Amino acid sequence: MAHASASCYLLAVSYKGTVKNGVVILPRNAKLRNGTEVKVTPIAGRQDDDFTDMLVSVSKKVRGLPRDLAAQHDHYLYGTPKR
């Protein structure tokens, strides 16, 4: 007769954490053994914030863009007359 291991009776538990410097930080009450395999699913919206932060950072470094680029983007992209 085969015996099931204790791990097959483990209930699914989820914790909400954050990523800092590439490491997932879980709440203090998270009880996981060292070596436990986990599945991390990013919460929607946070990646958009990261993209926005990166875009703002890059835009601060770009030089030589016209001051009216936002207002006149059609002119610069497609050659339409300025408004």
PDB file of N, CA and C in Angstrom:
ATOM      1  N   MET A   1       0.846  -1.175   0.000  1.00  0.00           N
ATOM      2  CA  MET A   1       0.000   0.000   0.000  1.00  0.00           C
ATOM      3  C   MET A   1       0.892   1.239   0.000  1.00  0.00           C
ATOM      4  N   ALA A   2       0.644   2.137  -0.919  1.00  0.00           N
ATOM      5  CA  ALA A   2       1.438   3.364  -1.014  1.00  0.00           C
ATOM      6  C   ALA A   2       0.906   4.392  -0.033  1.00  0.00           C
ATOM      7  N   HIS A   3       1.834   5.133   0.534  1.00  0.00           N
ATOM      8  CA  HIS A   3       1.442   6.196   1.462  1.00  0.00           C
ATOM      9  C   HIS A   3       1.652   7.549   0.795  1.00  0.00           C
ATOM     10  N   ALA A   4       0.689   8.417   0.945  1.00  0.00           N
ATOM     11  CA  ALA A   4       0.822   9.770   0.391  1.00  0.00           C
ATOM     12  C   ALA A   4       1.723  10.586   1.300  1.00  0.00           C
ATOM     13  N   SER A   5       2.530  11.422   0.693  1.00  0.00           N
ATOM     14  CA  SER A   5       3.393  12.284   1.505  1.00  0.00           C
ATOM     15  C   SER A   5       2.556  13.394   2.120  1.00  0.00           C
ATOM     16  N   ALA A   6       3.079  13.971   3.169  1.00  0.00           N
ATOM     17  CA  ALA A   6       2.369  15.054   3.855  1.00  0.00           C
ATOM     18  C   ALA A   6       2.144  16.242   2.934  1.00  0.00           C
ATOM     19  N   SER A   7       3.038  16.430   1.954  1.00  0.00           N
ATOM     20  CA  SER A   7       2.909  17.598   1.082  1.00  0.00           C
ATOM     21  C   SER A   7       1.669  17.540   0.200  1.00  0.00           C
ATOM     22  N   CYS A   8       1.130  16.351  -0.041  1.00  0.00           N
ATOM     23  CA  CYS A   8      -0.052  16.278  -0.891  1.00  0.00           C
ATOM     24  C   CYS A   8      -1.289  16.797  -0.167  1.00  0.00           C
ATOM     25  N   TYR A   9      -1.198  16.974   1.140  1.00  0.00           N
ATOM     26  CA  TYR A   9      -2.316  17.488   1.915  1.00  0.00           C
ATOM     27  C   TYR A   9      -2.194  18.984   2.185  1.00  0.00           C
ATOM     28  N   LEU A  10      -1.159  19.605   1.652  1.00  0.00           N
ATOM     29  CA  LEU A  10      -0.939  21.027   1.870  1.00  0.00           C
ATOM     30  C   LEU A  10      -2.025  21.828   1.168  1.00  0.00           C
ATOM     31  N   LEU A  11      -2.673  22.692   1.905  1.00  0.00           N
ATOM     32  CA  LEU A  11      -3.702  23.536   1.321  1.00  0.00           C
ATOM     33  C   LEU A  11      -3.057  24.673   0.547  1.00  0.00           C
ATOM     34  N   ALA A  12      -3.728  25.101  -0.499  1.00  0.00           N
ATOM     35  CA  ALA A  12      -3.214  26.228  -1.278  1.00  0.00           C
ATOM     36  C   ALA A  12      -3.293  27.490  -0.429  1.00  0.00           C
ATOM     37  N   VAL A  13      -2.194  28.178  -0.341  1.00  0.00           N
ATOM     38  CA  VAL A  13      -2.107  29.410   0.432  1.00  0.00           C
ATOM     39  C   VAL A  13      -1.541  30.474  -0.485  1.00  0.00           C
ATOM     40  N   SER A  14      -2.011  31.691  -0.360  1.00  0.00           N
ATOM     41  CA  SER A  14      -1.408  32.757  -1.156  1.00  0.00           C
ATOM     42  C   SER A  14      -1.002  33.902  -0.241  1.00  0.00           C
ATOM     43  N   TYR A  15       0.085  34.538  -0.607  1.00  0.00           N
ATOM     44  CA  TYR A  15       0.599  35.691   0.116  1.00  0.00           C
ATOM     45  C   TYR A  15       0.776  36.821  -0.879  1.00  0.00           C
ATOM     46  N   LYS A  16       0.628  38.027  -0.408  1.00  0.00           N
ATOM     47  CA  LYS A  16       0.852  39.197  -1.249  1.00  0.00           C
ATOM     48  C   LYS A  16       2.166  39.821  -0.800  1.00  0.00           C
ATOM     49  N   GLY A  17       3.085  40.010  -1.746  1.00  0.00           N
ATOM     50  CA  GLY A  17       4.378  40.592  -1.421  1.00  0.00           C
ATOM     51  C   GLY A  17       4.757  41.654  -2.424  1.00  0.00           C
ATOM     52  N   THR A  18       5.981  42.130  -2.309  1.00  0.00           N
ATOM     53  CA  THR A  18       6.503  43.123  -3.244  1.00  0.00           C
ATOM     54  C   THR A  18       7.887  42.692  -3.700  1.00  0.00           C
ATOM     55  N   VAL A  19       8.313  43.232  -4.828  1.00  0.00           N
ATOM     56  CA  VAL A  19       9.645  42.928  -5.346  1.00  0.00           C
ATOM     57  C   VAL A  19      10.541  44.124  -5.059  1.00  0.00           C
ATOM     58  N   LYS A  20      11.684  43.865  -4.434  1.00  0.00           N
ATOM     59  CA  LYS A  20      12.682  44.900  -4.173  1.00  0.00           C
ATOM     60  C   LYS A  20      14.027  44.378  -4.642  1.00  0.00           C
ATOM     61  N   ASN A  21      14.610  45.091  -5.597  1.00  0.00           N
ATOM     62  CA  ASN A  21      15.906  44.685  -6.157  1.00  0.00           C
ATOM     63  C   ASN A  21      15.884  43.254  -6.679  1.00  0.00           C
ATOM     64  N   GLY A  22      14.767  42.861  -7.295  1.00  0.00           N
ATOM     65  CA  GLY A  22      14.671  41.550  -7.907  1.00  0.00           C
ATOM     66  C   GLY A  22      14.351  40.412  -6.955  1.00  0.00           C
ATOM     67  N   VAL A  23      14.093  40.715  -5.679  1.00  0.00           N
ATOM     68  CA  VAL A  23      13.790  39.681  -4.684  1.00  0.00           C
ATOM     69  C   VAL A  23      12.363  39.888  -4.190  1.00  0.00           C
ATOM     70  N   VAL A  24      11.583  38.799  -4.125  1.00  0.00           N
ATOM     71  CA  VAL A  24      10.213  38.881  -3.628  1.00  0.00           C
ATOM     72  C   VAL A  24      10.248  38.939  -2.106  1.00  0.00           C
ATOM     73  N   ILE A  25       9.656  39.984  -1.544  1.00  0.00           N
ATOM     74  CA  ILE A  25       9.581  40.159  -0.096  1.00  0.00           C
ATOM     75  C   ILE A  25       8.162  39.802   0.331  1.00  0.00           C
ATOM     76  N   LEU A  26       8.040  38.789   1.176  1.00  0.00           N
ATOM     77  CA  LEU A  26       6.738  38.338   1.662  1.00  0.00           C
ATOM     78  C   LEU A  26       6.476  38.912   3.050  1.00  0.00           C
ATOM     79  N   PRO A  27       5.208  38.919   3.481  1.00  0.00           N
ATOM     80  CA  PRO A  27       4.903  39.393   4.829  1.00  0.00           C
ATOM     81  C   PRO A  27       5.562  38.502   5.885  1.00  0.00           C
ATOM     82  N   ARG A  28       5.767  39.047   7.059  1.00  0.00           N
ATOM     83  CA  ARG A  28       6.431  38.297   8.147  1.00  0.00           C
ATOM     84  C   ARG A  28       5.686  37.011   8.512  1.00  0.00           C
ATOM     85  N   ASN A  29       4.370  37.011   8.357  1.00  0.00           N
ATOM     86  CA  ASN A  29       3.591  35.826   8.744  1.00  0.00           C
ATOM     87  C   ASN A  29       3.597  34.724   7.688  1.00  0.00           C
ATOM     88  N   ALA A  30       4.287  34.922   6.578  1.00  0.00           N
ATOM     89  CA  ALA A  30       4.371  33.893   5.536  1.00  0.00           C
ATOM     90  C   ALA A  30       5.217  32.733   6.055  1.00  0.00           C
ATOM     91  N   LYS A  31       4.651  31.572   6.079  1.00  0.00           N
ATOM     92  CA  LYS A  31       5.347  30.385   6.603  1.00  0.00           C
ATOM     93  C   LYS A  31       5.634  29.416   5.462  1.00  0.00           C
ATOM     94  N   LEU A  32       6.823  29.506   4.905  1.00  0.00           N
ATOM     95  CA  LEU A  32       7.240  28.611   3.832  1.00  0.00           C
ATOM     96  C   LEU A  32       8.603  28.034   4.178  1.00  0.00           C
ATOM     97  N   ARG A  33       8.775  26.761   3.911  1.00  0.00           N
ATOM     98  CA  ARG A  33      10.074  26.123   4.153  1.00  0.00           C
ATOM     99  C   ARG A  33      11.077  26.571   3.104  1.00  0.00           C
ATOM    100  N   ASN A  34      12.337  26.617   3.479  1.00  0.00           N
ATOM    101  CA  ASN A  34      13.392  26.907   2.512  1.00  0.00           C
ATOM    102  C   ASN A  34      13.316  25.895   1.378  1.00  0.00           C
ATOM    103  N   GLY A  35      13.444  26.377   0.161  1.00  0.00           N
ATOM    104  CA  GLY A  35      13.400  25.503  -1.002  1.00  0.00           C
ATOM    105  C   GLY A  35      12.008  25.270  -1.558  1.00  0.00           C
ATOM    106  N   THR A  36      10.988  25.819  -0.903  1.00  0.00           N
ATOM    107  CA  THR A  36       9.627  25.652  -1.401  1.00  0.00           C
ATOM    108  C   THR A  36       9.487  26.330  -2.755  1.00  0.00           C
ATOM    109  N   GLU A  37       8.970  25.598  -3.732  1.00  0.00           N
ATOM    110  CA  GLU A  37       8.734  26.175  -5.052  1.00  0.00           C
ATOM    111  C   GLU A  37       7.467  27.011  -4.985  1.00  0.00           C
ATOM    112  N   VAL A  38       7.519  28.214  -5.543  1.00  0.00           N
ATOM    113  CA  VAL A  38       6.366  29.107  -5.516  1.00  0.00           C
ATOM    114  C   VAL A  38       6.054  29.597  -6.923  1.00  0.00           C
ATOM    115  N   LYS A  39       4.851  30.087  -7.096  1.00  0.00           N
ATOM    116  CA  LYS A  39       4.439  30.690  -8.362  1.00  0.00           C
ATOM    117  C   LYS A  39       4.156  32.161  -8.079  1.00  0.00           C
ATOM    118  N   VAL A  40       4.807  33.044  -8.824  1.00  0.00           N
ATOM    119  CA  VAL A  40       4.631  34.480  -8.634  1.00  0.00           C
ATOM    120  C   VAL A  40       3.856  35.029  -9.825  1.00  0.00           C
ATOM    121  N   THR A  41       2.745  35.694  -9.561  1.00  0.00           N
ATOM    122  CA  THR A  41       1.931  36.297 -10.606  1.00  0.00           C
ATOM    123  C   THR A  41       1.840  37.794 -10.339  1.00  0.00           C
ATOM    124  N   PRO A  42       2.457  38.624 -11.194  1.00  0.00           N
ATOM    125  CA  PRO A  42       2.391  40.069 -10.972  1.00  0.00           C
ATOM    126  C   PRO A  42       0.950  40.572 -11.012  1.00  0.00           C
ATOM    127  N   ILE A  43       0.662  41.538 -10.170  1.00  0.00           N
ATOM    128  CA  ILE A  43      -0.656  42.165 -10.155  1.00  0.00           C
ATOM    129  C   ILE A  43      -0.691  43.193 -11.270  1.00  0.00           C
ATOM    130  N   ALA A  44      -1.747  43.165 -12.061  1.00  0.00           N
ATOM    131  CA  ALA A  44      -1.875  44.093 -13.196  1.00  0.00           C
ATOM    132  C   ALA A  44      -1.759  45.530 -12.722  1.00  0.00           C
ATOM    133  N   GLY A  45      -1.130  46.349 -13.549  1.00  0.00           N
ATOM    134  CA  GLY A  45      -1.006  47.763 -13.245  1.00  0.00           C
ATOM    135  C   GLY A  45       0.378  48.154 -12.796  1.00  0.00           C
ATOM    136  N   ARG A  46       1.031  47.338 -12.037  1.00  0.00           N
ATOM    137  CA  ARG A  46       2.357  47.682 -11.538  1.00  0.00           C
ATOM    138  C   ARG A  46       3.376  47.728 -12.664  1.00  0.00           C
ATOM    139  N   GLN A  47       3.281  46.835 -13.630  1.00  0.00           N
ATOM    140  CA  GLN A  47       4.225  46.857 -14.737  1.00  0.00           C
ATOM    141  C   GLN A  47       4.059  48.133 -15.547  1.00  0.00           C
ATOM    142  N   ASP A  48       2.821  48.626 -15.647  1.00  0.00           N
ATOM    143  CA  ASP A  48       2.590  49.884 -16.347  1.00  0.00           C
ATOM    144  C   ASP A  48       3.315  51.020 -15.644  1.00  0.00           C
ATOM    145  N   ASP A  49       3.283  51.014 -14.310  1.00  0.00           N
ATOM    146  CA  ASP A  49       3.985  52.040 -13.544  1.00  0.00           C
ATOM    147  C   ASP A  49       5.478  51.972 -13.823  1.00  0.00           C
ATOM    148  N   ASP A  50       6.034  50.770 -13.874  1.00  0.00           N
ATOM    149  CA  ASP A  50       7.457  50.606 -14.157  1.00  0.00           C
ATOM    150  C   ASP A  50       7.792  51.141 -15.546  1.00  0.00           C
ATOM    151  N   PHE A  51       6.934  50.878 -16.518  1.00  0.00           N
ATOM    152  CA  PHE A  51       7.161  51.359 -17.875  1.00  0.00           C
ATOM    153  C   PHE A  51       7.113  52.884 -17.907  1.00  0.00           C
ATOM    154  N   THR A  52       6.141  53.458 -17.210  1.00  0.00           N
ATOM    155  CA  THR A  52       6.024  54.916 -17.162  1.00  0.00           C
ATOM    156  C   THR A  52       7.259  55.532 -16.523  1.00  0.00           C
ATOM    157  N   ASP A  53       7.720  54.951 -15.420  1.00  0.00           N
ATOM    158  CA  ASP A  53       8.933  55.449 -14.758  1.00  0.00           C
ATOM    159  C   ASP A  53      10.123  55.397 -15.705  1.00  0.00           C
ATOM    160  N   MET A  54      10.259  54.298 -16.440  1.00  0.00           N
ATOM    161  CA  MET A  54      11.365  54.150 -17.380  1.00  0.00           C
ATOM    162  C   MET A  54      11.254  55.182 -18.497  1.00  0.00           C
ATOM    163  N   LEU A  55      10.046  55.387 -19.012  1.00  0.00           N
ATOM    164  CA  LEU A  55       9.836  56.337 -20.097  1.00  0.00           C
ATOM    165  C   LEU A  55      10.165  57.762 -19.655  1.00  0.00           C
ATOM    166  N   VAL A  56       9.747  58.138 -18.467  1.00  0.00           N
ATOM    167  CA  VAL A  56      10.063  59.470 -17.938  1.00  0.00           C
ATOM    168  C   VAL A  56      11.566  59.619 -17.772  1.00  0.00           C
ATOM    169  N   SER A  57      12.218  58.587 -17.262  1.00  0.00           N
ATOM    170  CA  SER A  57      13.667  58.624 -17.076  1.00  0.00           C
ATOM    171  C   SER A  57      14.389  58.825 -18.407  1.00  0.00           C
ATOM    172  N   VAL A  58      13.976  58.086 -19.425  1.00  0.00           N
ATOM    173  CA  VAL A  58      14.605  58.209 -20.744  1.00  0.00           C
ATOM    174  C   VAL A  58      14.324  59.583 -21.345  1.00  0.00           C
ATOM    175  N   SER A  59      13.096  60.066 -21.194  1.00  0.00           N
ATOM    176  CA  SER A  59      12.745  61.357 -21.799  1.00  0.00           C
ATOM    177  C   SER A  59      13.552  62.506 -21.207  1.00  0.00           C
ATOM    178  N   LYS A  60      13.975  62.378 -19.955  1.00  0.00           N
ATOM    179  CA  LYS A  60      14.796  63.423 -19.331  1.00  0.00           C
ATOM    180  C   LYS A  60      16.209  63.454 -19.905  1.00  0.00           C
ATOM    181  N   LYS A  61      16.644  62.353 -20.486  1.00  0.00           N
ATOM    182  CA  LYS A  61      18.006  62.252 -21.016  1.00  0.00           C
ATOM    183  C   LYS A  61      18.096  62.640 -22.494  1.00  0.00           C
ATOM    184  N   VAL A  62      16.966  62.643 -23.191  1.00  0.00           N
ATOM    185  CA  VAL A  62      16.955  62.934 -24.623  1.00  0.00           C
ATOM    186  C   VAL A  62      17.141  64.437 -24.829  1.00  0.00           C
ATOM    187  N   ARG A  63      18.018  64.794 -25.743  1.00  0.00           N
ATOM    188  CA  ARG A  63      18.304  66.202 -26.033  1.00  0.00           C
ATOM    189  C   ARG A  63      17.915  66.529 -27.472  1.00  0.00           C
ATOM    190  N   GLY A  64      17.594  67.787 -27.726  1.00  0.00           N
ATOM    191  CA  GLY A  64      17.366  68.259 -29.081  1.00  0.00           C
ATOM    192  C   GLY A  64      15.962  68.071 -29.620  1.00  0.00           C
ATOM    193  N   LEU A  65      15.007  67.708 -28.770  1.00  0.00           N
ATOM    194  CA  LEU A  65      13.634  67.557 -29.253  1.00  0.00           C
ATOM    195  C   LEU A  65      12.950  68.919 -29.296  1.00  0.00           C
ATOM    196  N   PRO A  66      12.044  69.129 -30.254  1.00  0.00           N
ATOM    197  CA  PRO A  66      11.323  70.402 -30.321  1.00  0.00           C
ATOM    198  C   PRO A  66      10.452  70.600 -29.075  1.00  0.00           C
ATOM    199  N   ARG A  67      10.348  71.836 -28.630  1.00  0.00           N
ATOM    200  CA  ARG A  67       9.540  72.134 -27.443  1.00  0.00           C
ATOM    201  C   ARG A  67       8.054  71.842 -27.672  1.00  0.00           C
ATOM    202  N   ASP A  68       7.606  71.926 -28.918  1.00  0.00           N
ATOM    203  CA  ASP A  68       6.189  71.708 -29.217  1.00  0.00           C
ATOM    204  C   ASP A  68       5.899  70.280 -29.692  1.00  0.00           C
ATOM    205  N   LEU A  69       6.765  69.346 -29.370  1.00  0.00           N
ATOM    206  CA  LEU A  69       6.611  67.967 -29.853  1.00  0.00           C
ATOM    207  C   LEU A  69       5.267  67.362 -29.456  1.00  0.00           C
ATOM    208  N   ALA A  70       4.855  67.535 -28.215  1.00  0.00           N
ATOM    209  CA  ALA A  70       3.594  66.941 -27.768  1.00  0.00           C
ATOM    210  C   ALA A  70       2.410  67.534 -28.529  1.00  0.00           C
ATOM    211  N   ALA A  71       2.385  68.854 -28.652  1.00  0.00           N
ATOM    212  CA  ALA A  71       1.259  69.520 -29.310  1.00  0.00           C
ATOM    213  C   ALA A  71       1.269  69.307 -30.826  1.00  0.00           C
ATOM    214  N   GLN A  72       2.446  69.151 -31.395  1.00  0.00           N
ATOM    215  CA  GLN A  72       2.573  69.064 -32.856  1.00  0.00           C
ATOM    216  C   GLN A  72       3.083  67.695 -33.323  1.00  0.00           C
ATOM    217  N   HIS A  73       2.774  66.652 -32.569  1.00  0.00           N
ATOM    218  CA  HIS A  73       3.323  65.329 -32.907  1.00  0.00           C
ATOM    219  C   HIS A  73       2.923  64.862 -34.309  1.00  0.00           C
ATOM    220  N   ASP A  74       1.711  65.205 -34.772  1.00  0.00           N
ATOM    221  CA  ASP A  74       1.314  64.811 -36.134  1.00  0.00           C
ATOM    222  C   ASP A  74       2.234  65.446 -37.180  1.00  0.00           C
ATOM    223  N   HIS A  75       2.619  66.681 -36.941  1.00  0.00           N
ATOM    224  CA  HIS A  75       3.529  67.361 -37.868  1.00  0.00           C
ATOM    225  C   HIS A  75       4.869  66.626 -37.929  1.00  0.00           C
ATOM    226  N   TYR A  76       5.411  66.275 -36.763  1.00  0.00           N
ATOM    227  CA  TYR A  76       6.731  65.642 -36.728  1.00  0.00           C
ATOM    228  C   TYR A  76       6.692  64.180 -37.173  1.00  0.00           C
ATOM    229  N   LEU A  77       5.591  63.496 -36.925  1.00  0.00           N
ATOM    230  CA  LEU A  77       5.485  62.090 -37.333  1.00  0.00           C
ATOM    231  C   LEU A  77       5.076  61.924 -38.793  1.00  0.00           C
ATOM    232  N   TYR A  78       4.083  62.731 -39.223  1.00  0.00           N
ATOM    233  CA  TYR A  78       3.475  62.502 -40.534  1.00  0.00           C
ATOM    234  C   TYR A  78       3.669  63.650 -41.521  1.00  0.00           C
ATOM    235  N   GLY A  79       4.252  64.752 -41.071  1.00  0.00           N
ATOM    236  CA  GLY A  79       4.489  65.876 -41.963  1.00  0.00           C
ATOM    237  C   GLY A  79       3.275  66.748 -42.223  1.00  0.00           C
ATOM    238  N   THR A  80       2.232  66.614 -41.410  1.00  0.00           N
ATOM    239  CA  THR A  80       1.053  67.466 -41.583  1.00  0.00           C
ATOM    240  C   THR A  80       1.402  68.900 -41.193  1.00  0.00           C
ATOM    241  N   PRO A  81       0.639  69.875 -41.701  1.00  0.00           N
ATOM    242  CA  PRO A  81       0.918  71.266 -41.324  1.00  0.00           C
ATOM    243  C   PRO A  81       0.742  71.467 -39.814  1.00  0.00           C
ATOM    244  N   LYS A  82       1.557  72.359 -39.252  1.00  0.00           N
ATOM    245  CA  LYS A  82       1.410  72.677 -37.827  1.00  0.00           C
ATOM    246  C   LYS A  82       0.079  73.369 -37.606  1.00  0.00           C
ATOM    247  N   ARG A  83      -0.492  73.172 -36.447  1.00  0.00           N
ATOM    248  CA  ARG A  83      -1.773  73.808 -36.110  1.00  0.00           C
ATOM    249  C   ARG A  83      -1.538  75.168 -35.524  1.00  0.00           C
TER     250      ARG A  83
END
